[in-house]
Amino acid sequence: MSQSTTMTIRLEPELKSRLDKLSAVTQRSKSFLAAEAVREFIELNEWQLNDIKAAINEANNDDFASNQETRTIFNKWGINGDLMATGSLKKFRPGSRIYSKR
């Protein structure tokens, strides 16, 4: 059996009520469900932080996408990549004319 440690947390009453219901329905302890939620939260955030650190290292090494690579990605998503890659578009606003009508 793995070692564990005790931690106390404060929950809003509504969240505590939801946890109680989930515990009853799943027949899992509240402690188990809370530990799983914390584990998933940490794994998600560690992954994001690691990717952010890697991206910062790439930027610090001047490892950027070329204009052509940028155009290709934006065009893939239906955005006028020529405007984005050349810097002609100063502000991106959803609903603006940079979306192509495909």
C-alpha atoms as a PDB file:
ATOM      1  CA  MET A   1       0.000   0.000   0.000  1.00  0.00           C
ATOM      2  CA  SER A   2       1.363   3.424  -0.949  1.00  0.00           C
ATOM      3  CA  GLN A   3       2.137   6.088   1.590  1.00  0.00           C
ATOM      4  CA  SER A   4      -0.191   9.069   1.806  1.00  0.00           C
ATOM      5  CA  THR A   5      -0.402  12.234   3.827  1.00  0.00           C
ATOM      6  CA  THR A   6      -3.311  14.215   5.189  1.00  0.00           C
ATOM      7  CA  MET A   7      -4.293  17.618   3.866  1.00  0.00           C
ATOM      8  CA  THR A   8      -7.186  19.823   4.937  1.00  0.00           C
ATOM      9  CA  ILE A   9      -9.036  21.949   2.374  1.00  0.00           C
ATOM     10  CA  ARG A  10     -11.911  24.411   2.537  1.00  0.00           C
ATOM     11  CA  LEU A  11     -14.786  23.990   0.110  1.00  0.00           C
ATOM     12  CA  GLU A  12     -17.790  26.145  -0.626  1.00  0.00           C
ATOM     13  CA  PRO A  13     -20.974  24.477   0.663  1.00  0.00           C
ATOM     14  CA  GLU A  14     -22.332  23.928  -2.851  1.00  0.00           C
ATOM     15  CA  LEU A  15     -19.093  22.238  -3.977  1.00  0.00           C
ATOM     16  CA  LYS A  16     -19.052  20.077  -0.842  1.00  0.00           C
ATOM     17  CA  SER A  17     -22.631  19.022  -1.578  1.00  0.00           C
ATOM     18  CA  ARG A  18     -21.673  18.060  -5.135  1.00  0.00           C
ATOM     19  CA  LEU A  19     -18.717  16.071  -3.834  1.00  0.00           C
ATOM     20  CA  ASP A  20     -21.006  14.269  -1.364  1.00  0.00           C
ATOM     21  CA  LYS A  21     -23.393  13.319  -4.175  1.00  0.00           C
ATOM     22  CA  LEU A  22     -20.605  12.164  -6.466  1.00  0.00           C
ATOM     23  CA  SER A  23     -19.130  10.103  -3.660  1.00  0.00           C
ATOM     24  CA  ALA A  24     -22.457   8.379  -3.049  1.00  0.00           C
ATOM     25  CA  VAL A  25     -23.125   7.683  -6.722  1.00  0.00           C
ATOM     26  CA  THR A  26     -19.646   6.366  -7.481  1.00  0.00           C
ATOM     27  CA  GLN A  27     -19.281   4.568  -4.169  1.00  0.00           C
ATOM     28  CA  ARG A  28     -15.871   6.200  -3.736  1.00  0.00           C
ATOM     29  CA  SER A  29     -14.728   8.110  -0.691  1.00  0.00           C
ATOM     30  CA  LYS A  30     -14.656  11.898  -0.815  1.00  0.00           C
ATOM     31  CA  SER A  31     -10.975  11.650  -0.004  1.00  0.00           C
ATOM     32  CA  PHE A  32     -10.342   9.426  -3.038  1.00  0.00           C
ATOM     33  CA  LEU A  33     -12.275  11.756  -5.354  1.00  0.00           C
ATOM     34  CA  ALA A  34     -10.506  14.849  -4.027  1.00  0.00           C
ATOM     35  CA  ALA A  35      -7.087  13.198  -4.412  1.00  0.00           C
ATOM     36  CA  GLU A  36      -7.936  12.234  -8.004  1.00  0.00           C
ATOM     37  CA  ALA A  37      -9.050  15.793  -8.763  1.00  0.00           C
ATOM     38  CA  VAL A  38      -5.822  17.223  -7.336  1.00  0.00           C
ATOM     39  CA  ARG A  39      -3.743  14.659  -9.261  1.00  0.00           C
ATOM     40  CA  GLU A  40      -5.446  15.517 -12.559  1.00  0.00           C
ATOM     41  CA  PHE A  41      -5.087  19.260 -11.897  1.00  0.00           C
ATOM     42  CA  ILE A  42      -1.374  18.915 -11.188  1.00  0.00           C
ATOM     43  CA  GLU A  43      -0.756  16.721 -14.244  1.00  0.00           C
ATOM     44  CA  LEU A  44      -2.567  19.191 -16.510  1.00  0.00           C
ATOM     45  CA  ASN A  45      -0.734  22.206 -15.149  1.00  0.00           C
ATOM     46  CA  GLU A  46       2.676  20.505 -15.137  1.00  0.00           C
ATOM     47  CA  TRP A  47       2.193  19.600 -18.794  1.00  0.00           C
ATOM     48  CA  GLN A  48       1.227  23.177 -19.670  1.00  0.00           C
ATOM     49  CA  LEU A  49       4.114  24.684 -17.704  1.00  0.00           C
ATOM     50  CA  ASN A  50       6.597  22.301 -19.327  1.00  0.00           C
ATOM     51  CA  ASP A  51       5.338  23.273 -22.783  1.00  0.00           C
ATOM     52  CA  ILE A  52       5.518  26.975 -21.915  1.00  0.00           C
ATOM     53  CA  LYS A  53       9.108  26.574 -20.696  1.00  0.00           C
ATOM     54  CA  ALA A  54      10.010  24.717 -23.916  1.00  0.00           C
ATOM     55  CA  ALA A  55       8.417  27.485 -26.018  1.00  0.00           C
ATOM     56  CA  ILE A  56      10.332  30.153 -24.101  1.00  0.00           C
ATOM     57  CA  ASN A  57      13.573  28.249 -24.720  1.00  0.00           C
ATOM     58  CA  GLU A  58      12.752  28.053 -28.444  1.00  0.00           C
ATOM     59  CA  ALA A  59      12.055  31.793 -28.531  1.00  0.00           C
ATOM     60  CA  ASN A  60      15.258  32.555 -26.652  1.00  0.00           C
ATOM     61  CA  ASN A  61      17.117  30.517 -29.311  1.00  0.00           C
ATOM     62  CA  ASP A  62      15.374  32.456 -32.133  1.00  0.00           C
ATOM     63  CA  ASP A  63      13.614  29.247 -33.194  1.00  0.00           C
ATOM     64  CA  PHE A  64      10.534  30.803 -34.804  1.00  0.00           C
ATOM     65  CA  ALA A  65       8.233  29.659 -37.580  1.00  0.00           C
ATOM     66  CA  SER A  66       8.952  31.083 -41.010  1.00  0.00           C
ATOM     67  CA  ASN A  67       6.398  33.316 -42.726  1.00  0.00           C
ATOM     68  CA  GLN A  68       5.470  30.399 -45.011  1.00  0.00           C
ATOM     69  CA  GLU A  69       4.938  28.040 -42.072  1.00  0.00           C
ATOM     70  CA  THR A  70       2.782  30.678 -40.385  1.00  0.00           C
ATOM     71  CA  ARG A  71       0.691  31.202 -43.530  1.00  0.00           C
ATOM     72  CA  THR A  72       0.184  27.440 -43.903  1.00  0.00           C
ATOM     73  CA  ILE A  73      -1.092  27.022 -40.342  1.00  0.00           C
ATOM     74  CA  PHE A  74      -3.423  30.039 -40.472  1.00  0.00           C
ATOM     75  CA  ASN A  75      -4.785  28.999 -43.875  1.00  0.00           C
ATOM     76  CA  LYS A  76      -5.431  25.509 -42.469  1.00  0.00           C
ATOM     77  CA  TRP A  77      -7.753  27.106 -39.903  1.00  0.00           C
ATOM     78  CA  GLY A  78      -9.505  29.330 -42.438  1.00  0.00           C
ATOM     79  CA  ILE A  79      -7.659  32.522 -41.506  1.00  0.00           C
ATOM     80  CA  ASN A  80      -5.984  34.643 -44.157  1.00  0.00           C
ATOM     81  CA  GLY A  81      -2.391  33.671 -43.422  1.00  0.00           C
ATOM     82  CA  ASP A  82      -0.962  36.332 -45.713  1.00  0.00           C
ATOM     83  CA  LEU A  83      -2.278  39.108 -43.483  1.00  0.00           C
ATOM     84  CA  MET A  84      -1.116  37.408 -40.290  1.00  0.00           C
ATOM     85  CA  ALA A  85       2.362  36.441 -41.524  1.00  0.00           C
ATOM     86  CA  THR A  86       3.232  39.809 -43.041  1.00  0.00           C
ATOM     87  CA  GLY A  87       2.183  41.782 -39.991  1.00  0.00           C
ATOM     88  CA  SER A  88      -0.360  43.707 -42.096  1.00  0.00           C
ATOM     89  CA  LEU A  89      -3.017  42.886 -39.558  1.00  0.00           C
ATOM     90  CA  LYS A  90      -2.356  44.854 -36.402  1.00  0.00           C
ATOM     91  CA  LYS A  91      -5.282  43.524 -34.384  1.00  0.00           C
ATOM     92  CA  PHE A  92      -7.065  40.210 -34.662  1.00  0.00           C
ATOM     93  CA  ARG A  93     -10.755  40.369 -33.911  1.00  0.00           C
ATOM     94  CA  PRO A  94     -13.142  37.418 -34.248  1.00  0.00           C
ATOM     95  CA  GLY A  95     -15.567  38.129 -37.043  1.00  0.00           C
ATOM     96  CA  SER A  96     -13.127  40.321 -38.929  1.00  0.00           C
ATOM     97  CA  ARG A  97     -12.407  39.806 -42.635  1.00  0.00           C
ATOM     98  CA  ILE A  98      -9.360  37.643 -42.036  1.00  0.00           C
ATOM     99  CA  TYR A  99     -11.570  34.573 -42.028  1.00  0.00           C
ATOM    100  CA  SER A 100     -11.924  33.070 -45.473  1.00  0.00           C
ATOM    101  CA  LYS A 101     -15.323  31.864 -46.580  1.00  0.00           C
ATOM    102  CA  ARG A 102     -14.771  28.255 -47.517  1.00  0.00           C
END
